[in-house]
Amino acid sequence: MQRAGTCFFRCVLSTIRYLCLRMGYSREQRKQITFAIRVAFLQRTLYDLQRLCALVESPSVLELALAQQLVRHGLSGGWQENDARMVRLATDMVGLAAVKQRKAGTLKNDTLRAVLALSERTNGVARTISELAAEKGIAEHTASIV
């Protein structure tokens, strides 16, 4: 399942993979690079979700700013339950890739733990936003402001 407007993330990975092939990188090297990019995407997702969570928790004076922020991040319909599912899917994919990298011997245990902790934190913030959105009616409210 892919949310409309997120395909550019996929094309970045495809472009990097193609460039690595052209430059003669081995399959293992390509996997390490794409894994690092996925982790960077996840770090940015956590950062954005933390900012969104702070906005959702803000007083009603900032509701317009919240709506503008949602639009800027492609969430003009407000926070939807599918957004939480997409975050969960992304964290699952990064976690799986981390375990595979560890089994291949290209990832240290410390790094594996850090990536899994990043995934947990990201899922936790997404859950918090879902709970706040349900509690405050953010999806419907922000859609009506925008």
N, C-alpha and C. Protein backbone atom coordinates (compact mmCIF):
# COMPACT_ATOMS: atom_id res chain seq x y z
N MET A 1 0.84 -1.16 0.00
CA MET A 1 0.00 0.00 0.00
C MET A 1 0.90 1.24 0.00
N GLN A 2 0.62 2.17 -0.88
CA GLN A 2 1.43 3.37 -0.95
C GLN A 2 0.52 4.58 -0.97
N ARG A 3 0.79 5.51 -0.08
CA ARG A 3 -0.01 6.73 -0.03
C ARG A 3 0.38 7.61 -1.19
N ALA A 4 -0.60 8.16 -1.87
CA ALA A 4 -0.33 9.05 -3.01
C ALA A 4 0.61 10.15 -2.56
N GLY A 5 1.56 10.47 -3.40
CA GLY A 5 2.49 11.54 -3.10
C GLY A 5 3.77 11.08 -2.41
N THR A 6 3.91 9.80 -2.11
CA THR A 6 5.14 9.32 -1.47
C THR A 6 6.02 8.54 -2.44
N CYS A 7 5.63 8.48 -3.69
CA CYS A 7 6.40 7.68 -4.65
C CYS A 7 7.79 8.25 -4.88
N PHE A 8 8.00 9.53 -4.57
CA PHE A 8 9.32 10.10 -4.78
C PHE A 8 10.36 9.48 -3.86
N PHE A 9 9.95 8.93 -2.72
CA PHE A 9 10.90 8.21 -1.86
C PHE A 9 11.40 6.96 -2.58
N ARG A 10 10.48 6.28 -3.23
CA ARG A 10 10.84 5.06 -3.96
C ARG A 10 11.78 5.39 -5.11
N CYS A 11 11.52 6.48 -5.82
CA CYS A 11 12.37 6.80 -6.97
C CYS A 11 13.77 7.20 -6.52
N VAL A 12 13.92 7.77 -5.32
CA VAL A 12 15.25 8.09 -4.81
C VAL A 12 16.04 6.79 -4.62
N LEU A 13 15.41 5.81 -4.00
CA LEU A 13 16.09 4.52 -3.80
C LEU A 13 16.42 3.86 -5.14
N SER A 14 15.49 3.92 -6.08
CA SER A 14 15.74 3.32 -7.40
C SER A 14 16.89 4.02 -8.11
N THR A 15 16.95 5.34 -8.00
CA THR A 15 18.03 6.10 -8.63
C THR A 15 19.37 5.76 -8.00
N ILE A 16 19.41 5.71 -6.69
CA ILE A 16 20.66 5.35 -6.00
C ILE A 16 21.10 3.95 -6.39
N ARG A 17 20.16 3.03 -6.43
CA ARG A 17 20.48 1.65 -6.81
C ARG A 17 21.06 1.62 -8.23
N TYR A 18 20.45 2.36 -9.15
CA TYR A 18 20.92 2.40 -10.54
C TYR A 18 22.33 3.00 -10.60
N LEU A 19 22.54 4.11 -9.90
CA LEU A 19 23.86 4.75 -9.92
C LEU A 19 24.93 3.82 -9.34
N CYS A 20 24.58 3.11 -8.29
CA CYS A 20 25.54 2.16 -7.70
C CYS A 20 25.88 1.04 -8.68
N LEU A 21 24.87 0.57 -9.40
CA LEU A 21 25.12 -0.46 -10.42
C LEU A 21 26.08 0.07 -11.48
N ARG A 22 25.80 1.29 -11.95
CA ARG A 22 26.64 1.89 -13.00
C ARG A 22 28.07 2.11 -12.53
N MET A 23 28.23 2.35 -11.22
CA MET A 23 29.56 2.62 -10.68
C MET A 23 30.27 1.33 -10.27
N GLY A 24 29.60 0.20 -10.45
CA GLY A 24 30.24 -1.08 -10.19
C GLY A 24 30.23 -1.55 -8.75
N TYR A 25 29.36 -0.99 -7.93
CA TYR A 25 29.27 -1.42 -6.54
C TYR A 25 28.73 -2.84 -6.48
N SER A 26 29.21 -3.59 -5.51
CA SER A 26 28.72 -4.96 -5.33
C SER A 26 27.30 -4.93 -4.77
N ARG A 27 26.65 -6.06 -4.82
CA ARG A 27 25.27 -6.17 -4.30
C ARG A 27 25.24 -5.82 -2.81
N GLU A 28 26.23 -6.29 -2.06
CA GLU A 28 26.30 -6.01 -0.63
C GLU A 28 26.48 -4.51 -0.38
N GLN A 29 27.33 -3.87 -1.17
CA GLN A 29 27.54 -2.43 -1.02
C GLN A 29 26.26 -1.66 -1.33
N ARG A 30 25.55 -2.08 -2.37
CA ARG A 30 24.29 -1.41 -2.73
C ARG A 30 23.28 -1.57 -1.60
N LYS A 31 23.22 -2.75 -1.02
CA LYS A 31 22.28 -2.98 0.08
C LYS A 31 22.63 -2.11 1.30
N GLN A 32 23.91 -1.96 1.57
CA GLN A 32 24.33 -1.11 2.69
C GLN A 32 23.94 0.35 2.45
N ILE A 33 24.13 0.80 1.23
CA ILE A 33 23.79 2.19 0.90
C ILE A 33 22.29 2.42 0.99
N THR A 34 21.50 1.53 0.39
CA THR A 34 20.05 1.72 0.44
C THR A 34 19.53 1.58 1.87
N PHE A 35 20.16 0.73 2.67
CA PHE A 35 19.78 0.61 4.07
C PHE A 35 20.04 1.93 4.80
N ALA A 36 21.20 2.52 4.56
CA ALA A 36 21.53 3.80 5.20
C ALA A 36 20.53 4.88 4.80
N ILE A 37 20.10 4.87 3.56
CA ILE A 37 19.11 5.85 3.10
C ILE A 37 17.77 5.61 3.78
N ARG A 38 17.37 4.37 3.91
CA ARG A 38 16.11 4.05 4.60
C ARG A 38 16.14 4.51 6.05
N VAL A 39 17.28 4.31 6.71
CA VAL A 39 17.42 4.76 8.09
C VAL A 39 17.32 6.29 8.15
N ALA A 40 17.95 6.97 7.19
CA ALA A 40 17.86 8.43 7.15
C ALA A 40 16.41 8.88 6.93
N PHE A 41 15.68 8.19 6.05
CA PHE A 41 14.26 8.50 5.86
C PHE A 41 13.50 8.34 7.17
N LEU A 42 13.80 7.27 7.89
CA LEU A 42 13.11 6.99 9.15
C LEU A 42 13.45 8.05 10.19
N GLN A 43 14.71 8.48 10.24
CA GLN A 43 15.10 9.54 11.17
C GLN A 43 14.33 10.83 10.87
N ARG A 44 14.21 11.15 9.59
CA ARG A 44 13.46 12.35 9.21
C ARG A 44 11.97 12.18 9.53
N THR A 45 11.45 11.00 9.36
CA THR A 45 10.05 10.73 9.70
C THR A 45 9.82 10.97 11.18
N LEU A 46 10.72 10.46 12.02
CA LEU A 46 10.60 10.67 13.46
C LEU A 46 10.63 12.16 13.78
N TYR A 47 11.56 12.89 13.19
CA TYR A 47 11.67 14.33 13.41
C TYR A 47 10.35 15.03 13.04
N ASP A 48 9.82 14.71 11.85
CA ASP A 48 8.57 15.33 11.40
C ASP A 48 7.40 14.95 12.30
N LEU A 49 7.34 13.69 12.71
CA LEU A 49 6.25 13.24 13.58
C LEU A 49 6.33 13.91 14.95
N GLN A 50 7.53 14.11 15.47
CA GLN A 50 7.68 14.79 16.75
C GLN A 50 7.19 16.23 16.65
N ARG A 51 7.51 16.89 15.55
CA ARG A 51 7.03 18.26 15.34
C ARG A 51 5.51 18.28 15.21
N LEU A 52 4.97 17.33 14.46
CA LEU A 52 3.53 17.25 14.28
C LEU A 52 2.84 16.97 15.61
N CYS A 53 3.42 16.09 16.40
CA CYS A 53 2.86 15.75 17.71
C CYS A 53 2.83 16.99 18.60
N ALA A 54 3.89 17.77 18.58
CA ALA A 54 3.93 19.00 19.38
C ALA A 54 2.84 19.97 18.92
N LEU A 55 2.61 20.05 17.61
CA LEU A 55 1.56 20.92 17.10
C LEU A 55 0.17 20.43 17.51
N VAL A 56 -0.01 19.11 17.46
CA VAL A 56 -1.32 18.55 17.81
C VAL A 56 -1.60 18.78 19.30
N GLU A 57 -0.55 18.73 20.12
CA GLU A 57 -0.72 18.93 21.56
C GLU A 57 -0.88 20.40 21.93
N SER A 58 -0.61 21.32 20.98
CA SER A 58 -0.65 22.76 21.25
C SER A 58 -2.06 23.25 21.49
N PRO A 59 -2.18 24.41 22.12
CA PRO A 59 -3.50 24.99 22.33
C PRO A 59 -4.18 25.33 21.00
N SER A 60 -5.48 25.56 21.06
CA SER A 60 -6.27 25.78 19.85
C SER A 60 -5.85 27.03 19.08
N VAL A 61 -5.12 27.94 19.71
CA VAL A 61 -4.64 29.13 19.01
C VAL A 61 -3.78 28.74 17.82
N LEU A 62 -3.12 27.59 17.90
CA LEU A 62 -2.21 27.16 16.84
C LEU A 62 -2.86 26.21 15.84
N GLU A 63 -4.18 26.09 15.87
CA GLU A 63 -4.84 25.15 14.97
C GLU A 63 -4.59 25.47 13.50
N LEU A 64 -4.57 26.75 13.15
CA LEU A 64 -4.31 27.13 11.76
C LEU A 64 -2.89 26.73 11.37
N ALA A 65 -1.93 26.96 12.28
CA ALA A 65 -0.55 26.56 12.01
C ALA A 65 -0.47 25.04 11.83
N LEU A 66 -1.24 24.32 12.64
CA LEU A 66 -1.28 22.86 12.52
C LEU A 66 -1.78 22.47 11.14
N ALA A 67 -2.86 23.08 10.71
CA ALA A 67 -3.42 22.76 9.40
C ALA A 67 -2.42 23.07 8.29
N GLN A 68 -1.74 24.22 8.40
CA GLN A 68 -0.75 24.57 7.39
C GLN A 68 0.41 23.58 7.39
N GLN A 69 0.81 23.15 8.56
CA GLN A 69 1.88 22.16 8.67
C GLN A 69 1.46 20.84 8.05
N LEU A 70 0.24 20.43 8.30
CA LEU A 70 -0.27 19.19 7.72
C LEU A 70 -0.27 19.27 6.20
N VAL A 71 -0.70 20.40 5.66
CA VAL A 71 -0.71 20.57 4.20
C VAL A 71 0.71 20.53 3.67
N ARG A 72 1.62 21.21 4.34
CA ARG A 72 3.02 21.24 3.90
C ARG A 72 3.61 19.84 3.85
N HIS A 73 3.18 18.97 4.75
CA HIS A 73 3.72 17.61 4.80
C HIS A 73 2.84 16.61 4.07
N GLY A 74 1.93 17.10 3.24
CA GLY A 74 1.13 16.20 2.43
C GLY A 74 -0.01 15.54 3.18
N LEU A 75 -0.39 16.10 4.32
CA LEU A 75 -1.48 15.52 5.11
C LEU A 75 -2.68 16.46 5.14
N SER A 76 -3.06 16.95 3.97
CA SER A 76 -4.13 17.94 3.92
C SER A 76 -5.45 17.39 4.44
N GLY A 77 -5.62 16.09 4.46
CA GLY A 77 -6.83 15.50 5.02
C GLY A 77 -6.72 15.27 6.51
N GLY A 78 -5.66 15.76 7.12
CA GLY A 78 -5.43 15.52 8.53
C GLY A 78 -4.74 14.18 8.74
N TRP A 79 -4.51 13.84 9.99
CA TRP A 79 -3.86 12.56 10.33
C TRP A 79 -4.90 11.46 10.21
N GLN A 80 -4.60 10.46 9.41
CA GLN A 80 -5.52 9.34 9.21
C GLN A 80 -4.91 8.08 9.81
N GLU A 81 -5.74 7.11 10.09
CA GLU A 81 -5.25 5.84 10.64
C GLU A 81 -4.28 5.18 9.65
N ASN A 82 -4.49 5.38 8.35
CA ASN A 82 -3.57 4.82 7.35
C ASN A 82 -2.17 5.41 7.49
N ASP A 83 -2.06 6.64 7.98
CA ASP A 83 -0.74 7.23 8.19
C ASP A 83 0.04 6.43 9.23
N ALA A 84 -0.65 6.05 10.30
CA ALA A 84 0.00 5.22 11.33
C ALA A 84 0.41 3.87 10.75
N ARG A 85 -0.43 3.31 9.89
CA ARG A 85 -0.09 2.02 9.26
C ARG A 85 1.14 2.16 8.36
N MET A 86 1.21 3.27 7.63
CA MET A 86 2.37 3.50 6.76
C MET A 86 3.66 3.62 7.58
N VAL A 87 3.57 4.31 8.71
CA VAL A 87 4.74 4.44 9.59
C VAL A 87 5.14 3.06 10.10
N ARG A 88 4.16 2.28 10.53
CA ARG A 88 4.45 0.92 11.02
C ARG A 88 5.10 0.07 9.94
N LEU A 89 4.59 0.17 8.72
CA LEU A 89 5.16 -0.58 7.59
C LEU A 89 6.61 -0.15 7.35
N ALA A 90 6.85 1.15 7.37
CA ALA A 90 8.22 1.65 7.15
C ALA A 90 9.16 1.17 8.24
N THR A 91 8.72 1.23 9.49
CA THR A 91 9.60 0.78 10.57
C THR A 91 9.84 -0.72 10.51
N ASP A 92 8.82 -1.47 10.11
CA ASP A 92 9.00 -2.92 9.95
C ASP A 92 10.03 -3.23 8.86
N MET A 93 9.94 -2.50 7.76
CA MET A 93 10.87 -2.73 6.64
C MET A 93 12.31 -2.38 7.04
N VAL A 94 12.48 -1.26 7.74
CA VAL A 94 13.82 -0.88 8.18
C VAL A 94 14.35 -1.88 9.20
N GLY A 95 13.49 -2.32 10.11
CA GLY A 95 13.91 -3.32 11.10
C GLY A 95 14.33 -4.62 10.45
N LEU A 96 13.56 -5.07 9.46
CA LEU A 96 13.90 -6.29 8.74
C LEU A 96 15.23 -6.13 8.00
N ALA A 97 15.41 -4.99 7.37
CA ALA A 97 16.67 -4.74 6.65
C ALA A 97 17.84 -4.72 7.64
N ALA A 98 17.63 -4.16 8.83
CA ALA A 98 18.70 -4.10 9.83
C ALA A 98 19.09 -5.51 10.28
N VAL A 99 18.10 -6.35 10.51
CA VAL A 99 18.38 -7.73 10.92
C VAL A 99 19.15 -8.46 9.81
N LYS A 100 18.74 -8.26 8.57
CA LYS A 100 19.45 -8.90 7.45
C LYS A 100 20.89 -8.40 7.36
N GLN A 101 21.09 -7.09 7.55
CA GLN A 101 22.44 -6.53 7.52
C GLN A 101 23.28 -7.13 8.65
N ARG A 102 22.68 -7.31 9.81
CA ARG A 102 23.39 -7.89 10.95
C ARG A 102 23.79 -9.33 10.64
N LYS A 103 22.84 -10.11 10.08
CA LYS A 103 23.14 -11.50 9.74
C LYS A 103 24.24 -11.60 8.70
N ALA A 104 24.29 -10.61 7.80
CA ALA A 104 25.32 -10.59 6.76
C ALA A 104 26.67 -10.14 7.32
N GLY A 105 26.67 -9.67 8.57
CA GLY A 105 27.92 -9.24 9.19
C GLY A 105 28.32 -7.82 8.85
N THR A 106 27.42 -7.04 8.27
CA THR A 106 27.75 -5.67 7.89
C THR A 106 27.19 -4.63 8.85
N LEU A 107 26.60 -5.09 9.94
CA LEU A 107 26.01 -4.17 10.92
C LEU A 107 26.38 -4.67 12.32
N LYS A 108 26.87 -3.76 13.15
CA LYS A 108 27.24 -4.12 14.52
C LYS A 108 25.98 -4.22 15.38
N ASN A 109 26.08 -4.98 16.46
CA ASN A 109 24.96 -5.13 17.39
C ASN A 109 24.46 -3.79 17.93
N ASP A 110 25.40 -2.88 18.23
CA ASP A 110 25.02 -1.56 18.75
C ASP A 110 24.16 -0.82 17.74
N THR A 111 24.56 -0.90 16.48
CA THR A 111 23.81 -0.20 15.44
C THR A 111 22.45 -0.84 15.24
N LEU A 112 22.40 -2.17 15.29
CA LEU A 112 21.12 -2.86 15.18
C LEU A 112 20.18 -2.41 16.29
N ARG A 113 20.68 -2.36 17.51
CA ARG A 113 19.86 -1.91 18.64
C ARG A 113 19.40 -0.47 18.44
N ALA A 114 20.29 0.38 17.94
CA ALA A 114 19.93 1.79 17.71
C ALA A 114 18.83 1.92 16.65
N VAL A 115 18.93 1.14 15.59
CA VAL A 115 17.92 1.18 14.54
C VAL A 115 16.58 0.67 15.06
N LEU A 116 16.60 -0.40 15.82
CA LEU A 116 15.36 -0.93 16.39
C LEU A 116 14.75 0.05 17.39
N ALA A 117 15.59 0.75 18.14
CA ALA A 117 15.09 1.78 19.07
C ALA A 117 14.48 2.95 18.30
N LEU A 118 15.11 3.33 17.20
CA LEU A 118 14.56 4.39 16.34
C LEU A 118 13.19 3.98 15.82
N SER A 119 13.06 2.74 15.41
CA SER A 119 11.77 2.23 14.92
C SER A 119 10.72 2.29 16.01
N GLU A 120 11.09 1.89 17.22
CA GLU A 120 10.14 1.92 18.34
C GLU A 120 9.70 3.34 18.67
N ARG A 121 10.68 4.26 18.73
CA ARG A 121 10.34 5.66 19.02
C ARG A 121 9.41 6.22 17.95
N THR A 122 9.70 5.90 16.69
CA THR A 122 8.87 6.41 15.59
C THR A 122 7.46 5.87 15.69
N ASN A 123 7.32 4.57 15.94
CA ASN A 123 6.00 3.98 16.11
C ASN A 123 5.27 4.58 17.31
N GLY A 124 6.01 4.83 18.39
CA GLY A 124 5.41 5.41 19.58
C GLY A 124 4.83 6.79 19.32
N VAL A 125 5.57 7.63 18.62
CA VAL A 125 5.07 8.97 18.30
C VAL A 125 3.86 8.88 17.37
N ALA A 126 3.91 7.98 16.40
CA ALA A 126 2.77 7.81 15.49
C ALA A 126 1.53 7.36 16.27
N ARG A 127 1.71 6.46 17.24
CA ARG A 127 0.58 6.03 18.08
C ARG A 127 0.02 7.20 18.88
N THR A 128 0.92 8.01 19.43
CA THR A 128 0.49 9.18 20.21
C THR A 128 -0.32 10.13 19.34
N ILE A 129 0.14 10.38 18.13
CA ILE A 129 -0.59 11.27 17.22
C ILE A 129 -1.96 10.67 16.91
N SER A 130 -2.00 9.37 16.66
CA SER A 130 -3.29 8.72 16.37
C SER A 130 -4.25 8.88 17.54
N GLU A 131 -3.75 8.70 18.76
CA GLU A 131 -4.60 8.84 19.94
C GLU A 131 -5.08 10.28 20.09
N LEU A 132 -4.16 11.24 19.91
CA LEU A 132 -4.55 12.65 20.01
C LEU A 132 -5.51 13.04 18.90
N ALA A 133 -5.26 12.51 17.71
CA ALA A 133 -6.14 12.83 16.58
C ALA A 133 -7.55 12.32 16.85
N ALA A 134 -7.65 11.12 17.40
CA ALA A 134 -8.96 10.55 17.72
C ALA A 134 -9.63 11.36 18.83
N GLU A 135 -8.83 11.72 19.82
CA GLU A 135 -9.35 12.47 20.97
C GLU A 135 -9.82 13.86 20.57
N LYS A 136 -9.04 14.54 19.73
CA LYS A 136 -9.34 15.93 19.37
C LYS A 136 -10.05 16.07 18.04
N GLY A 137 -10.26 14.95 17.33
CA GLY A 137 -10.91 15.04 16.02
C GLY A 137 -10.05 15.79 15.01
N ILE A 138 -8.76 15.59 15.07
CA ILE A 138 -7.82 16.33 14.22
C ILE A 138 -8.08 16.12 12.73
N ALA A 139 -8.34 14.90 12.31
CA ALA A 139 -8.51 14.61 10.88
C ALA A 139 -9.63 15.46 10.30
N GLU A 140 -10.79 15.44 10.95
CA GLU A 140 -11.92 16.18 10.43
C GLU A 140 -11.71 17.68 10.60
N HIS A 141 -11.17 18.09 11.75
CA HIS A 141 -11.03 19.51 12.05
C HIS A 141 -10.02 20.18 11.11
N THR A 142 -8.84 19.56 10.93
CA THR A 142 -7.84 20.17 10.08
C THR A 142 -8.29 20.19 8.63
N ALA A 143 -9.02 19.18 8.21
CA ALA A 143 -9.52 19.17 6.83
C ALA A 143 -10.49 20.33 6.63
N SER A 144 -11.29 20.68 7.63
CA SER A 144 -12.24 21.78 7.46
C SER A 144 -11.55 23.14 7.48
N ILE A 145 -10.43 23.27 8.22
CA ILE A 145 -9.70 24.54 8.25
C ILE A 145 -9.04 24.80 6.91
N VAL A 146 -8.44 23.74 6.36
CA VAL A 146 -7.72 23.87 5.09
C VAL A 146 -8.72 24.02 4.01
